[in-house]
Amino acid sequence: MRYGGGGDRLLHCGWCVMLGYLLARRGVEVTVLEKHPDFFRDFRGDTVHPSTLDVLKELGLLEEFLALPHQKVEAGGVVIGDSAFRVADFRHLPTRCKFIALMPQWDFLNFLSSRARKFPSFQLLMGHEAVNLIKDRRRVAGVVAKNDGREVEVRADLVIGCNGRHCVVRDAAGLVCAGVGMVVTAGVCGWAAWKVWCKVAEAEGRSGLRGAGRDSARTAVARG
């Protein structure tokens, strides 16, 4: 099967839903590939930061977004031993929304994709995993994707890979990934770190940095 005749702008996977929305809003032909049949992947991240909320306001989506179930975090603290400290207060930020919205990322992506589908130039192909690039002489002309055991060609003028450190598109193009540590940011704080996610029972039901040491920290995100 083959999609497009070279006039599309192809976006591949993940947070390309946001980029796809922005381009489709301007009338650009967009095809987004997501290798899973849905967005229900745990630990994709639950924070929607004030700067992102500002973007949603500018796009006219903020009121609809905040109508979805979420939690507001106006300040952040850290517990070290028996002592609790407030380390961030988002109420002083020069933004419209002075808080972080906590929402499972699959809800956020479902919201964005549902709004993007209202544009006739937007197409989202679920269950399509990009496995290789289509090359026309020295030019990238699209991607080869797998869907339900069959190969699918998606032709495009521009291919963007947004699926992180295991990006097939980047590897197929022969691009080298710079080996840098992951940067974790939360409001006004940032540091290089590796993240390990797990589920635990939480009786208090509160989010925040619950324990920190010299070389490690533990963060709890309450999903309600």
Foldseek 3Di string as FASTA:
>chain_A
DEADDAQAAEEEEDPCLVVLLVCLVVVGQYEYEHQAQAPPDPPPDFKDDLVNLQVCVVVVNNVVVVVDDWDWAQWAWADAPNDIGTDGGQCPDPGPDSTIIGGTVRVVSVSSNVVSVVRPSYHYDYNWAFQAFDDDVPATFFTWTDHPRDIYTYGYNHYHFDPPPPTNHCVRNVHDDDDDADWDDDVPDIDGDDDDDDDDDDPVQDWHFYYDDPHDTDTDDRPD
